[in-house]
Amino acid sequence: MPSPSSHAPEIDRSQPAVVVEDLHRSFGALKAVDGVSFTIDHGRVVGFVGANGAGKTTTMRIMATLDSPGAGRVCMGGHNVVHHPAKVRRLLGWMPDAFGTYEHMSVLEYMDFYARALGFKGDERLRRIQEVMDFTDLTPLADRMSNKMSKGQTQRLCLGRALLHDPQILILDEPAAGLDPKARVELKNLIRILAQEGKTILISSHILSELGEMCDSLLFIDNGRIVHHGDAQSMLRGTETAGETLVNVQIAGNPAKLLEWALTAPLVKVEDETKRGARLRIQAADDDTLAGVLRRMIQDGLPVLDFHREERRLEDAFIDMLGQIDRGRRSEPPPLPGQNDE
């Protein structure tokens, strides 16, 4: 989408697109954000992951100049969000997890309202509205009432509003929440195109499998602290049990035969049962040992239909990582009486 030159945002490309440094934010006794630090380079797509209440939305609201940090520094495109909020807003597109629409206002009127609020005038305003509506496939919905659309259509409207001023940095808070599979695919395609145009994008989502496909790296936050920042593969490697392999086995006939066989087989443990077999954890990772397990199954008379390594899911890795963190916290000695952990 071409950018109107008179509305081109100022961005300092000599610095990372996003810098969050030792960020803190508390609400009374609750530490919502507790020393968060990370950077995002220009043109990167980063997934922001965490359980409800982990600190994602608070962090993003501060980045979007909608909340103030208690301590720390946030710079977007080289501009401090506290000292220069107007400059940050010119280069930033914000898509919240929920937003308001208006009764008796069509999609076209809604987009026109926000284009005027952003300072677009005359032919330039009409041209920009059309560009964004074409990109987000809102043109066929131009006359639809903005509060009478499906969830997927409403999300496209919210994204279109965020794109009107051609921002270089996008913050998307749960953009796929509540969408049906078709709408998720459509949204993912739009994000892919924006990434190809060089936009820097931070996406908060609970759909980890889709984040793994779309994102260059993942940020995991827990209890207000960043616990992982890296690509999906490093996340999977960091939480897997070294020297073990999970395989999915299906057999013909009664799957109980496989379970009975696994009870006495060396190096094999049943992870859980499936409809036609089981997921087995084998205490080895080399091909020769795995091939030997399969060979022994066949020699022992098991009618094996399928035997394959199971790719570890990001959801499993995330749960395992949180479990490791929780176990680490429980193993820490309690604070001494009167000790202040601030």
Protein backbone atom coordinates (compact mmCIF):
# COMPACT_ATOMS: atom_id res chain seq x y z
CA MET A 1 0.00 0.00 0.00
CA PRO A 2 1.61 3.34 -0.98
CA SER A 3 2.12 5.85 1.77
CA PRO A 4 0.80 9.41 1.48
CA SER A 5 3.92 11.55 1.61
CA SER A 6 2.34 14.29 3.70
CA HIS A 7 1.54 11.74 6.42
CA ALA A 8 4.78 9.73 6.26
CA PRO A 9 5.86 8.99 9.85
CA GLU A 10 9.30 9.86 11.10
CA ILE A 11 11.28 6.79 12.09
CA ASP A 12 14.92 6.45 13.16
CA ARG A 13 16.27 3.33 11.43
CA SER A 14 19.66 3.66 13.11
CA GLN A 15 18.02 2.15 16.21
CA PRO A 16 15.85 -0.96 16.63
CA ALA A 17 12.19 -0.47 15.76
CA VAL A 18 11.20 -1.29 19.35
CA VAL A 19 13.25 -0.92 22.54
CA VAL A 20 11.73 -1.94 25.88
CA GLU A 21 14.17 -1.56 28.75
CA ASP A 22 13.55 -2.61 32.38
CA LEU A 23 9.86 -1.80 32.14
CA HIS A 24 7.77 -1.80 35.33
CA ARG A 25 4.08 -1.18 35.90
CA SER A 26 2.10 -1.88 39.06
CA PHE A 27 -1.55 -1.55 39.98
CA GLY A 28 -1.54 -1.25 43.74
CA ALA A 29 0.19 -4.33 45.12
CA LEU A 30 -0.04 -6.15 41.77
CA LYS A 31 3.11 -6.10 39.63
CA ALA A 32 1.66 -6.37 36.12
CA VAL A 33 5.02 -5.77 34.42
CA ASP A 34 8.17 -6.56 36.38
CA GLY A 35 11.42 -5.60 34.65
CA VAL A 36 10.53 -6.46 31.03
CA SER A 37 13.27 -5.86 28.45
CA PHE A 38 13.44 -6.73 24.75
CA THR A 39 14.24 -5.23 21.35
CA ILE A 40 12.67 -5.81 17.92
CA ASP A 41 14.53 -5.00 14.71
CA HIS A 42 12.88 -3.28 11.75
CA GLY A 43 10.80 -5.52 9.51
CA ARG A 44 10.48 -8.36 12.02
CA VAL A 45 7.28 -10.16 13.03
CA VAL A 46 7.29 -11.14 16.70
CA GLY A 47 4.73 -13.19 18.60
CA PHE A 48 3.93 -12.12 22.17
CA VAL A 49 2.75 -15.08 24.25
CA GLY A 50 1.59 -15.48 27.81
CA ALA A 51 -1.32 -16.63 29.94
CA ASN A 52 -4.12 -14.22 30.83
CA GLY A 53 -2.77 -11.76 33.39
CA ALA A 54 0.86 -12.37 32.44
CA GLY A 55 1.45 -8.73 31.47
CA LYS A 56 1.04 -8.78 27.67
CA THR A 57 -1.70 -6.21 27.28
CA THR A 58 -0.21 -3.83 29.86
CA THR A 59 3.13 -3.93 28.05
CA MET A 60 1.48 -3.29 24.69
CA ARG A 61 -0.66 -0.46 26.02
CA ILE A 62 2.46 1.28 27.30
CA MET A 63 4.12 0.77 23.91
CA ALA A 64 1.03 2.30 22.27
CA THR A 65 1.14 5.38 24.58
CA LEU A 66 -2.15 4.37 26.22
CA ASP A 67 -0.61 3.82 29.66
CA SER A 68 2.44 5.17 31.48
CA PRO A 69 5.28 3.05 32.84
CA GLY A 70 6.07 3.11 36.52
CA ALA A 71 9.74 2.82 35.62
CA GLY A 72 11.87 1.90 32.64
CA ARG A 73 12.10 3.12 29.04
CA VAL A 74 10.16 2.34 25.87
CA CYS A 75 11.17 3.72 22.47
CA MET A 76 9.23 3.12 19.25
CA GLY A 77 11.06 4.01 16.05
CA GLY A 78 13.62 5.90 18.10
CA HIS A 79 11.03 8.01 19.97
CA ASN A 80 10.39 7.73 23.71
CA VAL A 81 6.72 6.93 24.37
CA VAL A 82 6.61 9.20 27.42
CA HIS A 83 8.51 12.20 26.03
CA HIS A 84 7.25 12.11 22.42
CA PRO A 85 3.86 10.33 22.36
CA ALA A 86 2.59 12.27 19.33
CA LYS A 87 5.54 11.13 17.19
CA VAL A 88 5.05 7.54 18.35
CA ARG A 89 1.36 7.62 17.41
CA ARG A 90 2.19 8.82 13.90
CA LEU A 91 4.30 5.75 13.19
CA LEU A 92 2.27 3.22 15.18
CA GLY A 93 -0.80 1.18 14.27
CA TRP A 94 -2.71 -0.20 17.28
CA MET A 95 -5.25 -3.01 16.99
CA PRO A 96 -6.76 -3.70 20.44
CA ASP A 97 -8.38 -6.96 21.45
CA ALA A 98 -11.74 -5.17 21.66
CA PHE A 99 -12.89 -1.89 20.17
CA GLY A 100 -16.06 0.12 19.73
CA THR A 101 -18.25 0.52 16.67
CA TYR A 102 -21.13 2.93 16.21
CA GLU A 103 -24.81 2.40 15.51
CA HIS A 104 -26.13 3.74 12.20
CA MET A 105 -22.56 4.21 10.86
CA SER A 106 -21.57 2.25 7.77
CA VAL A 107 -18.12 0.77 7.20
CA LEU A 108 -17.29 3.54 4.74
CA GLU A 109 -18.50 6.23 7.14
CA TYR A 110 -16.48 4.63 9.94
CA MET A 111 -13.28 4.67 7.88
CA ASP A 112 -13.99 8.22 6.71
CA PHE A 113 -14.46 9.38 10.30
CA TYR A 114 -11.04 8.06 11.34
CA ALA A 115 -9.33 9.29 8.17
CA ARG A 116 -10.58 12.80 8.95
CA ALA A 117 -9.41 12.44 12.56
CA LEU A 118 -5.95 11.54 11.24
CA GLY A 119 -5.84 14.71 9.17
CA PHE A 120 -6.53 13.37 5.67
CA LYS A 121 -8.40 15.79 3.42
CA GLY A 122 -10.04 15.92 0.03
CA ASP A 123 -8.98 13.53 -2.70
CA GLU A 124 -6.10 12.25 -0.61
CA ARG A 125 -8.55 11.10 2.07
CA LEU A 126 -10.78 9.32 -0.44
CA ARG A 127 -7.80 7.67 -2.11
CA ARG A 128 -6.34 6.43 1.16
CA ILE A 129 -9.66 5.05 2.39
CA GLN A 130 -10.09 3.14 -0.86
CA GLU A 131 -6.55 1.72 -0.70
CA VAL A 132 -7.04 0.40 2.81
CA MET A 133 -10.55 -0.93 2.17
CA ASP A 134 -9.35 -2.77 -0.92
CA PHE A 135 -6.41 -4.25 1.00
CA THR A 136 -8.56 -5.48 3.91
CA ASP A 137 -11.39 -6.63 1.58
CA LEU A 138 -13.83 -4.15 3.13
CA THR A 139 -14.94 -2.58 -0.16
CA PRO A 140 -17.81 -5.08 -0.66
CA LEU A 141 -18.95 -4.17 2.87
CA ALA A 142 -18.83 -0.39 2.39
CA ASP A 143 -22.56 0.09 3.05
CA ARG A 144 -22.82 -2.49 5.86
CA MET A 145 -23.53 -1.10 9.32
CA SER A 146 -20.26 -1.26 11.27
CA ASN A 147 -21.94 -2.85 14.31
CA LYS A 148 -23.74 -5.53 12.27
CA MET A 149 -20.83 -7.57 10.96
CA SER A 150 -19.30 -10.95 11.74
CA LYS A 151 -16.31 -11.26 14.05
CA GLY A 152 -13.92 -11.73 11.13
CA GLN A 153 -15.31 -8.72 9.26
CA THR A 154 -15.11 -6.61 12.41
CA GLN A 155 -11.47 -7.59 12.91
CA ARG A 156 -10.71 -6.54 9.33
CA LEU A 157 -12.37 -3.20 10.06
CA CYS A 158 -10.21 -2.73 13.14
CA LEU A 159 -7.08 -3.60 11.15
CA GLY A 160 -8.12 -1.20 8.40
CA ARG A 161 -8.54 1.60 10.90
CA ALA A 162 -5.05 0.87 12.26
CA LEU A 163 -3.55 1.00 8.73
CA LEU A 164 -5.06 4.29 7.55
CA HIS A 165 -1.96 6.40 8.27
CA ASP A 166 0.40 3.71 6.88
CA PRO A 167 2.19 2.97 10.18
CA GLN A 168 5.64 1.38 10.14
CA ILE A 169 5.06 -0.49 13.44
CA LEU A 170 1.93 -2.51 14.20
CA ILE A 171 0.82 -3.83 17.58
CA LEU A 172 -1.96 -6.40 17.29
CA ASP A 173 -3.56 -7.61 20.53
CA GLU A 174 -5.24 -11.01 20.03
CA PRO A 175 -6.25 -10.29 16.41
CA ALA A 176 -7.37 -13.90 15.79
CA ALA A 177 -9.38 -14.36 19.00
CA GLY A 178 -12.82 -15.76 18.28
CA LEU A 179 -12.30 -16.07 14.53
CA ASP A 180 -13.44 -19.10 12.58
CA PRO A 181 -10.79 -21.02 10.56
CA LYS A 182 -11.55 -19.15 7.31
CA ALA A 183 -11.28 -15.73 8.97
CA ARG A 184 -8.01 -16.77 10.66
CA VAL A 185 -6.52 -17.73 7.30
CA GLU A 186 -7.63 -14.39 5.80
CA LEU A 187 -6.10 -12.45 8.70
CA LYS A 188 -2.88 -14.46 8.49
CA ASN A 189 -2.59 -13.66 4.78
CA LEU A 190 -2.99 -9.92 5.48
CA ILE A 191 -0.29 -10.05 8.15
CA ARG A 192 2.02 -11.93 5.77
CA ILE A 193 1.61 -9.20 3.13
CA LEU A 194 2.29 -6.46 5.69
CA ALA A 195 5.44 -8.30 6.78
CA GLN A 196 6.59 -8.53 3.16
CA GLU A 197 6.18 -4.74 2.92
CA GLY A 198 8.69 -4.37 5.75
CA LYS A 199 6.34 -3.49 8.59
CA THR A 200 7.48 -4.31 12.11
CA ILE A 201 4.69 -6.32 13.78
CA LEU A 202 4.11 -7.45 17.37
CA ILE A 203 1.25 -9.96 17.65
CA SER A 204 -0.28 -11.16 20.87
CA SER A 205 -2.08 -14.48 20.53
CA HIS A 206 -2.98 -17.72 22.27
CA ILE A 207 -2.89 -19.66 18.99
CA LEU A 208 0.76 -20.68 19.26
CA SER A 209 0.83 -22.93 16.20
CA GLU A 210 -0.12 -20.02 13.95
CA LEU A 211 2.38 -17.71 15.63
CA GLY A 212 5.10 -20.24 14.93
CA GLU A 213 4.22 -20.09 11.22
CA MET A 214 3.93 -16.29 10.97
CA CYS A 215 6.60 -14.98 13.31
CA ASP A 216 10.36 -14.57 13.07
CA SER A 217 10.65 -14.90 16.85
CA LEU A 218 8.54 -15.40 19.97
CA LEU A 219 8.43 -13.47 23.23
CA PHE A 220 7.07 -15.43 26.20
CA ILE A 221 6.00 -13.51 29.30
CA ASP A 222 5.06 -14.99 32.68
CA ASN A 223 4.15 -13.08 35.83
CA GLY A 224 5.28 -9.83 34.26
CA ARG A 225 8.71 -11.11 33.21
CA ILE A 226 10.13 -12.22 29.86
CA VAL A 227 11.06 -15.92 30.14
CA HIS A 228 11.98 -16.62 26.51
CA HIS A 229 12.89 -14.58 23.43
CA GLY A 230 13.88 -16.55 20.35
CA ASP A 231 12.57 -18.43 17.36
CA ALA A 232 10.11 -21.31 17.62
CA GLN A 233 12.80 -23.95 17.18
CA SER A 234 14.89 -22.64 20.06
CA MET A 235 11.73 -22.69 22.18
CA LEU A 236 11.10 -26.32 21.29
CA ARG A 237 14.71 -27.34 21.90
CA GLY A 238 14.88 -25.51 25.20
CA THR A 239 12.06 -27.46 26.81
CA GLU A 240 12.44 -30.94 25.37
CA THR A 241 13.91 -33.80 27.36
CA ALA A 242 17.41 -34.43 26.05
CA GLY A 243 18.02 -37.84 24.52
CA GLU A 244 14.37 -38.82 24.19
CA THR A 245 12.02 -39.12 21.23
CA LEU A 246 8.25 -39.14 21.12
CA VAL A 247 6.81 -41.45 18.45
CA ASN A 248 3.24 -42.07 17.39
CA VAL A 249 2.47 -45.73 16.67
CA GLN A 250 -0.70 -47.17 15.15
CA ILE A 251 -1.41 -50.87 14.76
CA ALA A 252 -4.09 -53.01 13.12
CA GLY A 253 -6.53 -54.67 15.49
CA ASN A 254 -6.70 -54.21 19.25
CA PRO A 255 -4.37 -51.38 20.43
CA ALA A 256 -4.06 -53.12 23.83
CA LYS A 257 -1.46 -55.40 22.20
CA LEU A 258 0.85 -52.40 21.76
CA LEU A 259 0.35 -51.27 25.36
CA GLU A 260 1.15 -54.76 26.68
CA TRP A 261 4.26 -54.94 24.49
CA ALA A 262 5.48 -51.55 25.73
CA LEU A 263 5.32 -52.68 29.38
CA THR A 264 8.28 -55.03 28.91
CA ALA A 265 10.12 -53.34 26.03
CA PRO A 266 13.45 -51.72 26.98
CA LEU A 267 13.79 -47.93 26.46
CA VAL A 268 10.03 -47.58 25.84
CA LYS A 269 7.41 -45.83 27.96
CA VAL A 270 3.76 -45.17 27.13
CA GLU A 271 3.10 -41.43 27.05
CA ASP A 272 -0.62 -41.82 26.41
CA GLU A 273 -3.06 -44.04 24.53
CA THR A 274 -4.62 -43.16 21.19
CA LYS A 275 -7.60 -44.61 19.31
CA ARG A 276 -5.48 -47.02 17.25
CA GLY A 277 -2.28 -47.27 19.29
CA ALA A 278 -0.22 -45.04 21.54
CA ARG A 279 2.27 -42.22 21.80
CA LEU A 280 5.50 -43.77 23.04
CA ARG A 281 8.46 -42.02 24.64
CA ILE A 282 11.67 -43.74 23.62
CA GLN A 283 14.79 -43.07 25.68
CA ALA A 284 16.97 -42.42 22.65
CA ALA A 285 17.22 -39.88 19.86
CA ASP A 286 19.45 -41.59 17.27
CA ASP A 287 18.01 -43.18 14.14
CA ASP A 288 19.60 -46.60 14.73
CA THR A 289 17.91 -47.06 18.11
CA LEU A 290 14.53 -45.90 16.81
CA ALA A 291 14.83 -48.27 13.85
CA GLY A 292 15.70 -51.06 16.29
CA VAL A 293 12.53 -50.41 18.32
CA LEU A 294 10.42 -50.59 15.18
CA ARG A 295 12.18 -53.76 14.05
CA ARG A 296 11.54 -55.43 17.42
CA MET A 297 7.83 -54.50 17.24
CA ILE A 298 7.52 -56.26 13.90
CA GLN A 299 9.58 -59.27 15.04
CA ASP A 300 7.31 -59.61 18.09
CA GLY A 301 4.27 -59.81 15.83
CA LEU A 302 2.77 -56.34 16.21
CA PRO A 303 0.86 -55.35 13.02
CA VAL A 304 2.38 -51.85 12.77
CA LEU A 305 0.54 -49.53 10.37
CA ASP A 306 2.32 -46.28 11.23
CA PHE A 307 5.45 -45.34 13.18
CA HIS A 308 6.66 -41.73 13.06
CA ARG A 309 8.43 -39.14 15.15
CA GLU A 310 6.00 -36.65 16.61
CA GLU A 311 6.80 -32.99 16.15
CA ARG A 312 6.69 -31.20 19.45
CA ARG A 313 3.94 -28.58 19.62
CA LEU A 314 4.58 -25.03 20.80
CA GLU A 315 1.66 -25.37 23.23
CA ASP A 316 3.39 -28.36 24.87
CA ALA A 317 6.71 -26.51 25.00
CA PHE A 318 5.07 -23.46 26.59
CA ILE A 319 3.33 -25.54 29.25
CA ASP A 320 6.55 -27.43 29.99
CA MET A 321 8.49 -24.19 30.27
CA LEU A 322 5.99 -22.71 32.71
CA GLY A 323 6.20 -25.94 34.71
CA GLN A 324 9.98 -25.67 34.88
CA ILE A 325 9.72 -22.06 36.03
CA ASP A 326 7.13 -22.96 38.66
CA ARG A 327 9.29 -25.80 39.98
CA GLY A 328 12.23 -23.42 40.16
CA ARG A 329 10.21 -20.93 42.18
CA ARG A 330 9.07 -23.61 44.63
CA SER A 331 12.67 -24.73 45.15
CA GLU A 332 13.83 -21.22 46.10
CA PRO A 333 14.33 -20.66 49.84
CA PRO A 334 11.66 -18.46 51.44
CA PRO A 335 12.66 -14.84 52.18
CA LEU A 336 14.00 -14.04 55.61
CA PRO A 337 11.61 -12.28 58.01
CA GLY A 338 11.46 -8.59 57.10
CA GLN A 339 13.36 -9.11 53.86
CA ASN A 340 12.20 -6.85 51.03
CA ASP A 341 12.45 -8.28 47.54
CA GLU A 342 11.97 -4.96 45.79
